[in-house]
C-alpha atoms as a PDB file:
ATOM      1  CA  UNK A   1     -26.511  33.860  -2.558  1.00  0.00           C
ATOM      2  CA  UNK A   2     -23.624  32.732  -4.782  1.00  0.00           C
ATOM      3  CA  UNK A   3     -21.202  34.211  -2.256  1.00  0.00           C
ATOM      4  CA  UNK A   4     -22.778  32.146   0.543  1.00  0.00           C
ATOM      5  CA  UNK A   5     -22.462  28.928  -1.475  1.00  0.00           C
ATOM      6  CA  UNK A   6     -18.843  29.738  -2.301  1.00  0.00           C
ATOM      7  CA  UNK A   7     -18.097  30.397   1.388  1.00  0.00           C
ATOM      8  CA  UNK A   8     -19.777  27.117   2.387  1.00  0.00           C
ATOM      9  CA  UNK A   9     -17.751  25.234  -0.229  1.00  0.00           C
ATOM     10  CA  UNK A  10     -14.531  26.788   1.078  1.00  0.00           C
ATOM     11  CA  UNK A  11     -15.571  25.928   4.641  1.00  0.00           C
ATOM     12  CA  UNK A  12     -16.211  22.301   3.639  1.00  0.00           C
ATOM     13  CA  UNK A  13     -12.814  22.113   1.910  1.00  0.00           C
ATOM     14  CA  UNK A  14     -11.090  23.592   4.965  1.00  0.00           C
ATOM     15  CA  UNK A  15     -12.843  21.085   7.276  1.00  0.00           C
ATOM     16  CA  UNK A  16     -11.815  18.189   5.010  1.00  0.00           C
ATOM     17  CA  UNK A  17      -8.201  19.446   5.044  1.00  0.00           C
ATOM     18  CA  UNK A  18      -8.345  19.690   8.851  1.00  0.00           C
ATOM     19  CA  UNK A  19      -9.738  16.144   9.139  1.00  0.00           C
ATOM     20  CA  UNK A  20      -7.023  14.831   6.804  1.00  0.00           C
ATOM     21  CA  UNK A  21      -4.305  16.603   8.816  1.00  0.00           C
ATOM     22  CA  UNK A  22      -5.741  15.137  12.026  1.00  0.00           C
ATOM     23  CA  UNK A  23      -5.687  11.655  10.484  1.00  0.00           C
ATOM     24  CA  UNK A  24      -2.091  12.092   9.292  1.00  0.00           C
ATOM     25  CA  UNK A  25      -1.086  13.304  12.764  1.00  0.00           C
ATOM     26  CA  UNK A  26      -2.624  10.179  14.338  1.00  0.00           C
ATOM     27  CA  UNK A  27      -0.242   8.066  12.230  1.00  0.00           C
ATOM     28  CA  UNK A  28       2.731   9.699  13.969  1.00  0.00           C
ATOM     29  CA  UNK A  29       1.815   8.364  17.403  1.00  0.00           C
ATOM     30  CA  UNK A  30       4.225   5.627  18.471  1.00  0.00           C
ATOM     31  CA  UNK A  31       3.215   3.333  21.321  1.00  0.00           C
ATOM     32  CA  UNK A  32       5.291   0.682  23.053  1.00  0.00           C
ATOM     33  CA  UNK A  33       4.134  -2.947  23.011  1.00  0.00           C
ATOM     34  CA  UNK A  34       5.143  -3.343  26.692  1.00  0.00           C
ATOM     35  CA  UNK A  35       5.593  -1.144  29.732  1.00  0.00           C
ATOM     36  CA  UNK A  36       9.191  -0.519  30.692  1.00  0.00           C
ATOM     37  CA  UNK A  37      12.177   1.776  30.485  1.00  0.00           C
ATOM     38  CA  UNK A  38      13.853   3.060  27.328  1.00  0.00           C
ATOM     39  CA  UNK A  39      17.393   1.696  27.387  1.00  0.00           C
ATOM     40  CA  UNK A  40      18.492   2.875  23.945  1.00  0.00           C
ATOM     41  CA  UNK A  41      17.209   5.603  21.634  1.00  0.00           C
ATOM     42  CA  UNK A  42      18.063   5.139  17.959  1.00  0.00           C
ATOM     43  CA  UNK A  43      16.352   8.236  16.482  1.00  0.00           C
ATOM     44  CA  UNK A  44      16.081  11.924  17.283  1.00  0.00           C
ATOM     45  CA  UNK A  45      13.087  14.261  17.420  1.00  0.00           C
ATOM     46  CA  UNK A  46      12.154  15.415  13.923  1.00  0.00           C
ATOM     47  CA  UNK A  47      13.995  12.587  12.180  1.00  0.00           C
ATOM     48  CA  UNK A  48      12.147  10.923   9.299  1.00  0.00           C
ATOM     49  CA  UNK A  49      11.444   7.243  10.006  1.00  0.00           C
ATOM     50  CA  UNK A  50       9.934   4.380   8.056  1.00  0.00           C
ATOM     51  CA  UNK A  51       7.541   1.591   8.972  1.00  0.00           C
ATOM     52  CA  UNK A  52       9.388  -1.274  10.632  1.00  0.00           C
ATOM     53  CA  UNK A  53      12.443   0.819  11.530  1.00  0.00           C
ATOM     54  CA  UNK A  54      13.660   0.296  15.128  1.00  0.00           C
ATOM     55  CA  UNK A  55      13.245   3.520  17.103  1.00  0.00           C
ATOM     56  CA  UNK A  56      13.873   2.542  20.712  1.00  0.00           C
ATOM     57  CA  UNK A  57      14.956  -0.411  22.798  1.00  0.00           C
ATOM     58  CA  UNK A  58      12.723  -0.990  25.800  1.00  0.00           C
ATOM     59  CA  UNK A  59      13.517  -3.114  28.829  1.00  0.00           C
ATOM     60  CA  UNK A  60      10.288  -4.489  30.279  1.00  0.00           C
ATOM     61  CA  UNK A  61       9.649  -3.576  33.899  1.00  0.00           C
ATOM     62  CA  UNK A  62       7.527  -6.649  34.543  1.00  0.00           C
ATOM     63  CA  UNK A  63       8.407 -10.325  34.725  1.00  0.00           C
ATOM     64  CA  UNK A  64      12.102 -10.219  35.662  1.00  0.00           C
ATOM     65  CA  UNK A  65      13.912 -13.504  34.990  1.00  0.00           C
ATOM     66  CA  UNK A  66      17.376 -15.040  34.830  1.00  0.00           C
ATOM     67  CA  UNK A  67      18.651 -17.458  32.206  1.00  0.00           C
ATOM     68  CA  UNK A  68      21.094 -19.794  33.954  1.00  0.00           C
ATOM     69  CA  UNK A  69      23.151 -22.165  31.819  1.00  0.00           C
ATOM     70  CA  UNK A  70      23.394 -25.363  33.859  1.00  0.00           C
ATOM     71  CA  UNK A  71      25.656 -28.251  32.915  1.00  0.00           C
ATOM     72  CA  UNK A  72      23.705 -31.173  31.494  1.00  0.00           C
ATOM     73  CA  UNK A  73      25.068 -33.282  34.366  1.00  0.00           C
ATOM     74  CA  UNK A  74      23.297 -30.980  36.861  1.00  0.00           C
ATOM     75  CA  UNK A  75      19.808 -31.430  35.413  1.00  0.00           C
ATOM     76  CA  UNK A  76      18.865 -34.886  36.752  1.00  0.00           C
ATOM     77  CA  UNK A  77      17.082 -33.501  39.864  1.00  0.00           C
ATOM     78  CA  UNK A  78      16.093 -30.101  38.464  1.00  0.00           C
ATOM     79  CA  UNK A  79      12.326 -29.569  38.175  1.00  0.00           C
ATOM     80  CA  UNK A  80      10.028 -26.715  37.159  1.00  0.00           C
ATOM     81  CA  UNK A  81       8.741 -24.929  40.269  1.00  0.00           C
ATOM     82  CA  UNK A  82      11.809 -25.542  42.443  1.00  0.00           C
ATOM     83  CA  UNK A  83      13.040 -22.691  44.639  1.00  0.00           C
ATOM     84  CA  UNK A  84      16.248 -20.945  43.621  1.00  0.00           C
ATOM     85  CA  UNK A  85      18.625 -18.704  45.587  1.00  0.00           C
ATOM     86  CA  UNK A  86      20.227 -16.067  43.377  1.00  0.00           C
ATOM     87  CA  UNK A  87      23.426 -14.188  44.233  1.00  0.00           C
ATOM     88  CA  UNK A  88      23.697 -10.935  42.280  1.00  0.00           C
ATOM     89  CA  UNK A  89      27.345 -10.026  41.672  1.00  0.00           C
ATOM     90  CA  UNK A  90      26.620  -6.321  41.110  1.00  0.00           C
ATOM     91  CA  UNK A  91      25.327  -5.949  44.663  1.00  0.00           C
ATOM     92  CA  UNK A  92      28.104  -7.789  46.476  1.00  0.00           C
ATOM     93  CA  UNK A  93      26.399 -11.153  46.485  1.00  0.00           C
ATOM     94  CA  UNK A  94      23.038  -9.843  47.700  1.00  0.00           C
ATOM     95  CA  UNK A  95      20.544 -12.676  47.619  1.00  0.00           C
ATOM     96  CA  UNK A  96      17.250 -12.850  45.758  1.00  0.00           C
ATOM     97  CA  UNK A  97      14.670 -15.590  45.459  1.00  0.00           C
ATOM     98  CA  UNK A  98      13.396 -17.280  42.336  1.00  0.00           C
ATOM     99  CA  UNK A  99      11.624 -20.320  40.926  1.00  0.00           C
ATOM    100  CA  UNK A 100      12.564 -22.555  38.010  1.00  0.00           C
ATOM    101  CA  UNK A 101      10.140 -21.566  35.254  1.00  0.00           C
ATOM    102  CA  UNK A 102      11.352 -23.745  32.378  1.00  0.00           C
ATOM    103  CA  UNK A 103      14.195 -25.925  31.152  1.00  0.00           C
ATOM    104  CA  UNK A 104      15.178 -25.528  27.498  1.00  0.00           C
ATOM    105  CA  UNK A 105      14.495 -28.409  25.128  1.00  0.00           C
ATOM    106  CA  UNK A 106      18.005 -28.132  23.644  1.00  0.00           C
ATOM    107  CA  UNK A 107      21.521 -27.184  24.704  1.00  0.00           C
ATOM    108  CA  UNK A 108      22.903 -23.713  24.190  1.00  0.00           C
ATOM    109  CA  UNK A 109      25.155 -25.066  21.423  1.00  0.00           C
ATOM    110  CA  UNK A 110      22.099 -25.720  19.230  1.00  0.00           C
ATOM    111  CA  UNK A 111      21.216 -22.016  19.341  1.00  0.00           C
ATOM    112  CA  UNK A 112      24.750 -20.668  18.819  1.00  0.00           C
ATOM    113  CA  UNK A 113      25.619 -18.630  15.729  1.00  0.00           C
ATOM    114  CA  UNK A 114      28.468 -21.034  15.038  1.00  0.00           C
ATOM    115  CA  UNK A 115      27.468 -24.439  16.432  1.00  0.00           C
ATOM    116  CA  UNK A 116      30.410 -26.632  17.451  1.00  0.00           C
ATOM    117  CA  UNK A 117      29.762 -29.344  14.852  1.00  0.00           C
ATOM    118  CA  UNK A 118      32.522 -31.883  14.501  1.00  0.00           C
ATOM    119  CA  UNK A 119      33.240 -32.112  10.767  1.00  0.00           C
ATOM    120  CA  UNK A 120      36.486 -34.067  11.161  1.00  0.00           C
ATOM    121  CA  UNK A 121      34.901 -37.161  12.671  1.00  0.00           C
ATOM    122  CA  UNK A 122      37.014 -36.927  15.824  1.00  0.00           C
ATOM    123  CA  UNK A 123      34.853 -37.123  18.916  1.00  0.00           C
ATOM    124  CA  UNK A 124      35.646 -35.289  22.117  1.00  0.00           C
ATOM    125  CA  UNK A 125      32.959 -35.382  24.760  1.00  0.00           C
ATOM    126  CA  UNK A 126      32.250 -31.913  26.109  1.00  0.00           C
ATOM    127  CA  UNK A 127      29.648 -31.300  28.799  1.00  0.00           C
ATOM    128  CA  UNK A 128      26.949 -29.118  27.260  1.00  0.00           C
ATOM    129  CA  UNK A 129      25.077 -26.257  28.916  1.00  0.00           C
ATOM    130  CA  UNK A 130      21.277 -26.131  28.999  1.00  0.00           C
ATOM    131  CA  UNK A 131      19.469 -22.786  29.449  1.00  0.00           C
ATOM    132  CA  UNK A 132      17.136 -22.759  32.472  1.00  0.00           C
ATOM    133  CA  UNK A 133      14.739 -19.845  32.889  1.00  0.00           C
ATOM    134  CA  UNK A 134      14.327 -18.702  36.497  1.00  0.00           C
ATOM    135  CA  UNK A 135      11.596 -16.224  37.438  1.00  0.00           C
ATOM    136  CA  UNK A 136      12.733 -13.759  40.138  1.00  0.00           C
ATOM    137  CA  UNK A 137      10.111 -13.818  42.897  1.00  0.00           C
ATOM    138  CA  UNK A 138      11.573 -11.547  45.566  1.00  0.00           C
ATOM    139  CA  UNK A 139      14.474 -10.122  47.483  1.00  0.00           C
ATOM    140  CA  UNK A 140      15.226  -7.236  45.140  1.00  0.00           C
ATOM    141  CA  UNK A 141      13.738  -3.821  45.712  1.00  0.00           C
ATOM    142  CA  UNK A 142      13.533  -0.807  43.433  1.00  0.00           C
ATOM    143  CA  UNK A 143      16.927   0.342  44.735  1.00  0.00           C
ATOM    144  CA  UNK A 144      18.533  -2.864  43.397  1.00  0.00           C
ATOM    145  CA  UNK A 145      17.114  -3.559  39.945  1.00  0.00           C
ATOM    146  CA  UNK A 146      18.189  -6.681  38.094  1.00  0.00           C
ATOM    147  CA  UNK A 147      19.262  -5.360  34.705  1.00  0.00           C
ATOM    148  CA  UNK A 148      19.713  -7.327  31.470  1.00  0.00           C
ATOM    149  CA  UNK A 149      23.201  -8.791  31.173  1.00  0.00           C
ATOM    150  CA  UNK A 150      24.029  -8.754  34.891  1.00  0.00           C
ATOM    151  CA  UNK A 151      25.890 -11.742  36.334  1.00  0.00           C
ATOM    152  CA  UNK A 152      24.051 -13.998  38.761  1.00  0.00           C
ATOM    153  CA  UNK A 153      24.963 -17.250  40.482  1.00  0.00           C
ATOM    154  CA  UNK A 154      21.977 -19.595  40.821  1.00  0.00           C
ATOM    155  CA  UNK A 155      21.710 -22.219  43.571  1.00  0.00           C
ATOM    156  CA  UNK A 156      18.880 -24.755  43.240  1.00  0.00           C
ATOM    157  CA  UNK A 157      18.043 -26.965  46.216  1.00  0.00           C
ATOM    158  CA  UNK A 158      17.379 -30.283  44.469  1.00  0.00           C
ATOM    159  CA  UNK A 159      16.896 -32.406  47.570  1.00  0.00           C
END
């Protein structure tokens, strides 16, 4: 009888160790916050990582958009929802369609690492650029993906 109790105690300890190992293994599962394609891998299999450490860079495969920096003098007739023709340089000027999704509340200079503040007091008027987000709505198939950083020329019909 003592042998049976000892065996049951060992079995319970082994099951607890198994459950703990299973729990620890579940902590190693890494899931992406969005669907997409891995564009950069910063770690290798078996490498020790820490919480908060960047492991991968993922480019989302949904919601493709263009940020076009329009001159402030071009904004007077620009409205959210307007149709946009996009020429993609990488594909020899192939055209895509888009819609104005938003117009930034500030110029690009306000978001720059080194804003062009005039500390000398001399004033030179320079036309500022305003970021406009354009959602791509069509014209590009899977064989012509719009990748981050590609050059695009945006034409907005304002009349």
